[in-house]
N, C-alpha and C. Protein backbone atom coordinates (compact mmCIF):
# COMPACT_ATOMS: atom_id res chain seq x y z
N MET A 1 6.63 -8.71 -17.43
CA MET A 1 8.21 -9.23 -18.35
C MET A 1 7.84 -10.53 -18.03
N ILE A 2 8.74 -11.58 -16.88
CA ILE A 2 8.78 -12.44 -16.62
C ILE A 2 7.68 -13.32 -16.67
N GLY A 3 5.99 -13.37 -16.46
CA GLY A 3 4.48 -13.16 -17.22
C GLY A 3 5.05 -13.86 -18.55
N ALA A 4 5.10 -12.86 -19.48
CA ALA A 4 5.42 -13.28 -20.63
C ALA A 4 6.40 -13.42 -21.71
N LEU A 5 7.53 -13.86 -20.42
CA LEU A 5 8.40 -14.74 -20.55
C LEU A 5 8.37 -16.46 -20.74
N ALA A 6 7.18 -16.61 -19.29
CA ALA A 6 7.20 -18.09 -19.26
C ALA A 6 5.94 -18.47 -20.24
N LEU A 7 5.32 -16.91 -20.83
CA LEU A 7 3.87 -17.70 -22.14
C LEU A 7 4.53 -18.26 -23.21
N GLN A 8 5.14 -17.02 -23.36
CA GLN A 8 5.82 -17.36 -24.46
C GLN A 8 6.83 -19.16 -25.11
N THR A 9 7.39 -19.59 -23.68
CA THR A 9 8.03 -20.38 -23.85
C THR A 9 6.83 -21.11 -22.86
N GLY A 10 5.86 -21.46 -23.07
CA GLY A 10 4.83 -22.29 -23.37
C GLY A 10 5.07 -23.60 -21.58
N TYR A 11 4.54 -23.02 -20.46
CA TYR A 11 4.41 -23.02 -19.35
C TYR A 11 3.04 -23.15 -18.72
N GLY A 12 2.57 -21.64 -19.23
CA GLY A 12 1.20 -21.09 -18.95
C GLY A 12 1.04 -20.43 -18.12
N PRO A 13 -0.02 -20.94 -17.99
CA PRO A 13 -0.52 -19.93 -16.95
C PRO A 13 -0.05 -20.07 -15.40
N TRP A 14 -0.01 -21.10 -14.91
CA TRP A 14 -0.03 -21.67 -13.81
C TRP A 14 1.71 -21.37 -13.88
N ALA A 15 2.82 -20.96 -14.27
CA ALA A 15 3.37 -21.35 -14.04
C ALA A 15 3.97 -19.49 -13.45
N VAL A 16 3.62 -18.49 -14.62
CA VAL A 16 2.78 -17.43 -14.12
C VAL A 16 2.85 -17.48 -12.81
N TRP A 17 0.97 -17.78 -12.67
CA TRP A 17 0.97 -17.39 -12.04
C TRP A 17 2.19 -17.52 -9.97
N GLY A 18 2.18 -18.90 -10.26
CA GLY A 18 3.53 -19.38 -9.82
C GLY A 18 3.95 -18.20 -8.98
N VAL A 19 5.13 -17.68 -9.87
CA VAL A 19 6.26 -16.45 -9.99
C VAL A 19 5.61 -15.99 -9.43
N ILE A 20 4.87 -15.57 -9.79
CA ILE A 20 3.61 -14.19 -9.06
C ILE A 20 4.02 -14.55 -7.23
N VAL A 21 3.48 -15.86 -7.01
CA VAL A 21 3.39 -15.93 -5.16
C VAL A 21 4.42 -16.03 -5.29
N ALA A 22 4.81 -16.51 -5.22
CA ALA A 22 6.42 -17.38 -4.78
C ALA A 22 7.63 -15.44 -4.64
N VAL A 23 7.58 -14.47 -5.19
CA VAL A 23 7.75 -13.14 -5.35
C VAL A 23 6.95 -12.77 -4.38
N GLY A 24 5.46 -12.69 -4.39
CA GLY A 24 4.90 -12.51 -3.27
C GLY A 24 4.96 -13.18 -1.65
N VAL A 25 5.98 -14.18 -1.19
CA VAL A 25 6.32 -14.30 -0.28
C VAL A 25 7.35 -13.92 0.30
N ALA A 26 7.95 -13.74 -0.77
CA ALA A 26 9.59 -13.75 -0.40
C ALA A 26 10.11 -12.42 0.08
N THR A 27 9.53 -11.63 -0.47
CA THR A 27 9.01 -9.76 -0.41
C THR A 27 8.66 -9.85 0.82
N TYR A 28 7.00 -10.29 1.11
CA TYR A 28 6.67 -10.92 2.69
C TYR A 28 8.04 -11.37 3.66
N LEU A 29 8.43 -11.96 3.60
CA LEU A 29 9.27 -12.50 3.94
C LEU A 29 10.63 -11.95 4.25
N VAL A 30 10.84 -11.12 3.63
CA VAL A 30 11.88 -10.46 3.43
C VAL A 30 11.57 -8.98 4.73
N ARG A 31 10.65 -8.70 4.69
CA ARG A 31 9.99 -7.57 5.78
C ARG A 31 9.39 -7.85 7.41
N LEU A 32 9.20 -8.72 6.69
CA LEU A 32 8.83 -9.43 8.14
C LEU A 32 10.57 -9.78 8.81
N SER A 33 10.89 -10.33 8.42
CA SER A 33 12.19 -10.52 9.08
C SER A 33 13.11 -9.03 9.16
N PHE A 34 12.56 -7.98 8.76
CA PHE A 34 13.19 -6.96 9.52
C PHE A 34 12.28 -6.39 11.59
N ILE A 35 10.32 -6.17 10.64
CA ILE A 35 9.97 -6.46 12.24
C ILE A 35 10.13 -6.91 12.50
N TYR A 36 10.30 -8.03 12.31
CA TYR A 36 10.90 -9.44 13.94
C TYR A 36 11.90 -8.98 14.99
N LEU A 37 13.40 -8.65 14.04
CA LEU A 37 14.25 -8.34 14.27
C LEU A 37 14.71 -7.25 15.27
N PHE A 38 14.57 -5.50 14.90
CA PHE A 38 13.45 -4.94 15.35
C PHE A 38 13.21 -4.49 16.51
N GLY A 39 11.72 -5.83 16.06
CA GLY A 39 10.42 -6.23 18.20
C GLY A 39 11.81 -6.77 18.41
N ARG A 40 12.61 -7.35 17.80
CA ARG A 40 13.07 -7.81 19.60
C ARG A 40 14.65 -7.51 20.06
N ILE A 41 15.00 -6.27 19.74
CA ILE A 41 16.23 -5.44 19.62
C ILE A 41 15.90 -4.67 20.76
N ASP A 42 16.78 -3.99 22.36
CA ASP A 42 15.57 -3.11 22.45
C ASP A 42 15.67 -1.99 21.60
N ALA A 43 17.33 -1.07 21.47
CA ALA A 43 17.32 -0.45 20.92
C ALA A 43 17.99 -0.62 19.57
N VAL A 44 18.14 0.33 19.15
CA VAL A 44 19.11 0.75 16.91
C VAL A 44 20.62 0.75 17.70
N PRO A 45 21.75 -0.03 17.43
CA PRO A 45 22.57 0.02 18.01
C PRO A 45 23.49 0.72 16.67
N PRO A 46 24.01 2.33 17.55
CA PRO A 46 24.33 3.72 17.22
C PRO A 46 25.50 3.41 15.80
N ALA A 47 25.66 2.04 15.32
CA ALA A 47 26.35 1.71 14.02
C ALA A 47 25.57 2.12 12.89
N VAL A 48 24.30 1.53 13.20
CA VAL A 48 23.09 0.93 12.27
C VAL A 48 22.43 2.90 11.86
N THR A 49 22.11 3.33 12.99
CA THR A 49 21.30 4.66 13.20
C THR A 49 22.22 5.09 12.27
N ARG A 50 23.48 5.44 12.10
CA ARG A 50 24.43 6.10 11.40
C ARG A 50 24.49 6.24 9.58
N ALA A 51 23.77 4.83 10.32
CA ALA A 51 24.97 4.24 8.25
C ALA A 51 22.56 4.76 7.93
N LEU A 52 22.05 4.59 8.95
CA LEU A 52 20.81 5.20 8.42
C LEU A 52 20.03 6.46 7.26
N ARG A 53 20.56 7.48 8.94
CA ARG A 53 20.90 8.57 7.91
C ARG A 53 21.58 9.51 6.30
N TYR A 54 21.71 8.30 5.48
CA TYR A 54 22.80 8.47 4.91
C TYR A 54 21.54 8.00 3.20
N VAL A 55 20.56 6.66 4.31
CA VAL A 55 19.78 6.47 2.61
C VAL A 55 19.05 8.28 2.65
N PRO A 56 17.91 8.09 2.93
CA PRO A 56 17.13 9.15 2.26
C PRO A 56 18.55 9.85 0.92
N ALA A 57 19.22 9.94 0.91
CA ALA A 57 20.89 10.94 0.40
C ALA A 57 21.22 10.01 -0.57
N ALA A 58 20.33 9.35 -0.23
CA ALA A 58 21.60 7.39 -1.25
C ALA A 58 20.18 7.41 -2.60
N VAL A 59 19.38 7.58 -1.92
CA VAL A 59 17.88 7.36 -2.43
C VAL A 59 17.16 8.07 -4.09
N LEU A 60 17.77 9.85 -3.11
CA LEU A 60 17.57 10.30 -4.35
C LEU A 60 18.38 10.28 -5.28
N ALA A 61 19.86 10.09 -4.94
CA ALA A 61 20.88 10.47 -5.94
C ALA A 61 19.92 9.03 -7.26
N ALA A 62 19.93 7.86 -6.08
CA ALA A 62 19.90 6.96 -7.20
C ALA A 62 18.41 6.87 -8.22
N LEU A 63 17.21 7.94 -7.91
CA LEU A 63 16.61 8.56 -8.47
C LEU A 63 16.25 10.16 -9.55
N VAL A 64 17.35 10.57 -9.28
CA VAL A 64 17.44 11.94 -9.77
C VAL A 64 19.01 11.27 -11.19
N VAL A 65 20.03 10.71 -10.64
CA VAL A 65 21.06 11.31 -11.49
C VAL A 65 20.82 9.92 -12.97
N PRO A 66 20.02 9.54 -12.83
CA PRO A 66 19.71 8.09 -14.29
C PRO A 66 19.13 9.62 -15.02
N SER A 67 17.82 10.45 -14.30
CA SER A 67 17.82 11.04 -15.15
C SER A 67 18.56 12.00 -16.65
N VAL A 68 19.81 13.07 -15.04
CA VAL A 68 20.18 13.57 -15.50
C VAL A 68 21.70 13.80 -16.01
N VAL A 69 22.45 12.43 -15.65
CA VAL A 69 23.20 11.96 -16.66
C VAL A 69 22.67 11.10 -18.07
N THR A 70 23.31 12.06 -19.00
CA THR A 70 22.67 11.28 -20.12
C THR A 70 24.64 11.16 -21.00
N VAL A 71 24.74 9.29 -21.42
CA VAL A 71 25.84 9.98 -22.40
C VAL A 71 25.39 10.55 -23.90
N GLU A 72 25.98 11.24 -24.37
CA GLU A 72 26.04 12.06 -25.85
C GLU A 72 26.94 11.59 -26.64
N PRO A 73 26.97 11.76 -27.65
CA PRO A 73 28.28 11.21 -28.97
C PRO A 73 29.09 11.85 -28.90
N THR A 74 29.35 12.93 -27.95
CA THR A 74 30.46 13.66 -28.12
C THR A 74 30.48 14.21 -26.37
N VAL A 75 31.64 14.78 -25.83
CA VAL A 75 31.06 15.17 -24.91
C VAL A 75 31.01 16.83 -24.35
N VAL A 76 31.37 17.74 -25.68
CA VAL A 76 30.53 19.23 -25.34
C VAL A 76 28.72 17.94 -25.69
N GLY A 77 28.70 17.29 -26.27
CA GLY A 77 26.37 17.46 -25.82
C GLY A 77 26.39 16.48 -24.84
N THR A 78 28.18 15.97 -24.09
CA THR A 78 27.94 15.45 -22.60
C THR A 78 27.19 16.43 -21.40
N LEU A 79 27.88 17.44 -21.77
CA LEU A 79 28.22 18.20 -20.49
C LEU A 79 27.31 19.43 -20.60
N THR A 80 26.41 20.17 -22.44
CA THR A 80 25.61 21.19 -22.42
C THR A 80 23.93 20.17 -22.47
N ALA A 81 24.02 19.16 -22.15
CA ALA A 81 22.93 19.08 -21.95
C ALA A 81 21.90 19.01 -21.30
N ASP A 82 20.44 19.79 -21.66
CA ASP A 82 19.51 20.06 -20.62
C ASP A 82 19.41 20.71 -19.37
N ARG A 83 19.66 18.92 -18.81
CA ARG A 83 19.53 18.28 -18.27
C ARG A 83 20.50 19.01 -16.86
N LEU A 84 21.35 18.12 -17.37
CA LEU A 84 22.04 18.52 -16.25
C LEU A 84 22.72 20.07 -15.99
N LEU A 85 22.45 20.81 -17.22
CA LEU A 85 22.39 22.64 -17.19
C LEU A 85 21.49 22.57 -16.31
N ALA A 86 20.40 21.79 -16.33
CA ALA A 86 19.08 22.76 -14.99
C ALA A 86 20.10 21.92 -13.44
N ALA A 87 20.12 20.66 -12.61
CA ALA A 87 20.26 20.19 -12.51
C ALA A 87 21.24 20.27 -11.22
N THR A 88 22.48 21.15 -12.34
CA THR A 88 23.56 22.08 -11.63
C THR A 88 23.76 23.35 -10.62
N ALA A 89 22.53 24.49 -11.91
CA ALA A 89 22.14 25.01 -11.14
C ALA A 89 21.57 25.23 -10.16
N ALA A 90 20.67 23.42 -9.81
CA ALA A 90 19.04 23.73 -8.50
C ALA A 90 20.17 23.29 -7.73
N ALA A 91 21.51 21.93 -7.96
CA ALA A 91 22.05 21.80 -7.17
C ALA A 91 23.19 23.14 -5.95
N LEU A 92 23.53 24.28 -7.21
CA LEU A 92 23.78 25.18 -6.81
C LEU A 92 23.63 25.67 -5.12
N VAL A 93 21.83 26.17 -6.21
CA VAL A 93 21.04 26.60 -5.12
C VAL A 93 20.62 25.92 -4.04
N ALA A 94 20.20 24.72 -3.73
CA ALA A 94 20.18 23.74 -2.72
C ALA A 94 21.65 24.40 -1.96
N TRP A 95 22.90 24.38 -2.42
CA TRP A 95 24.13 24.56 -1.58
C TRP A 95 23.81 25.02 -0.93
N ARG A 96 23.99 26.71 -1.44
CA ARG A 96 23.62 27.95 -1.76
C ARG A 96 22.56 28.01 -0.64
N THR A 97 21.82 27.86 -0.76
CA THR A 97 20.22 28.23 0.18
C THR A 97 19.80 26.96 1.17
N GLY A 98 19.96 25.76 0.81
CA GLY A 98 18.97 24.58 1.32
C GLY A 98 17.98 24.18 1.52
N ASP A 99 17.48 25.57 0.80
CA ASP A 99 15.55 25.75 0.20
C ASP A 99 15.32 25.09 -1.03
N VAL A 100 14.18 23.12 -0.21
CA VAL A 100 13.71 23.59 -1.07
C VAL A 100 12.79 24.53 -2.41
N THR A 101 12.60 24.78 -1.98
CA THR A 101 11.45 25.45 -3.07
C THR A 101 12.05 25.80 -3.95
N ALA A 102 13.20 27.05 -3.28
CA ALA A 102 13.76 27.21 -4.05
C ALA A 102 14.57 27.06 -4.85
N THR A 103 14.44 26.07 -4.92
CA THR A 103 16.08 23.92 -5.70
C THR A 103 14.79 24.00 -6.37
N ILE A 104 13.83 23.52 -5.93
CA ILE A 104 12.90 23.81 -7.51
C ILE A 104 11.63 24.34 -7.85
N VAL A 105 11.69 25.55 -8.02
CA VAL A 105 11.74 27.13 -8.89
C VAL A 105 13.12 27.38 -9.74
N VAL A 106 14.48 27.34 -9.63
CA VAL A 106 15.70 27.26 -9.77
C VAL A 106 15.28 25.98 -11.15
N GLY A 107 15.78 25.42 -10.28
CA GLY A 107 15.75 24.14 -11.28
C GLY A 107 14.74 23.54 -12.56
N LEU A 108 13.61 23.88 -12.20
CA LEU A 108 12.53 23.72 -13.34
C LEU A 108 12.71 25.28 -14.58
N VAL A 109 12.91 25.58 -13.69
CA VAL A 109 12.93 27.72 -14.95
C VAL A 109 14.30 27.39 -15.73
N SER A 110 15.28 26.76 -14.28
CA SER A 110 16.10 27.03 -15.65
C SER A 110 16.78 25.72 -17.04
N LEU A 111 16.11 24.72 -16.45
CA LEU A 111 14.91 23.40 -17.24
C LEU A 111 14.72 24.28 -18.81
N TRP A 112 13.13 25.00 -17.90
CA TRP A 112 12.32 25.33 -19.37
C TRP A 112 13.62 26.03 -20.39
N VAL A 113 14.42 27.20 -19.79
CA VAL A 113 15.51 28.78 -20.04
C VAL A 113 15.73 27.63 -21.07
N VAL A 114 16.81 25.90 -20.94
CA VAL A 114 17.70 25.69 -21.27
C VAL A 114 17.07 24.95 -22.56
N ARG A 115 16.25 24.71 -22.35
CA ARG A 115 15.05 23.32 -22.99
C ARG A 115 14.28 24.02 -24.26
N PHE A 116 13.80 25.61 -23.78
CA PHE A 116 13.62 26.46 -24.77
C PHE A 116 13.42 27.76 -25.92
N VAL A 117 14.53 27.95 -24.71
CA VAL A 117 15.39 29.44 -25.69
C VAL A 117 16.74 29.75 -25.77
N VAL A 118 17.81 29.23 -25.28
CA VAL A 118 18.77 29.32 -25.69
C VAL A 118 19.20 27.28 -26.16
N PRO A 119 18.93 27.64 -27.83
CA PRO A 119 19.53 27.33 -29.09
C PRO A 119 20.99 26.39 -28.28
N ILE A 120 21.29 25.58 -28.07
CA ILE A 120 22.41 24.63 -27.58
C ILE A 120 22.43 23.70 -29.05
């Protein structure tokens, strides 16, 4: 998108390549800084370890929530959206059993049932 915008504004292909190289260098430096930082310390501080425990749950929530939660024109439409109902069923199974396979199966089956069998 940035490249198309640069070409539309008349900057030409050199501007696009300049942006690509600049973003690549910035990404490399950010990653290198963490490698360098953790290579210089002997142990990870306990506060960082506690904070890093929540990273998988935060990443999962950031990936799942936008695709599950939709805003419909009415409150009833929002609360009866097929993805929200299936995610609720899967969350209940995950909470009660802790089994990943059962959670996935229940989520998929409930999505299919709500989407194709139950008229909402």
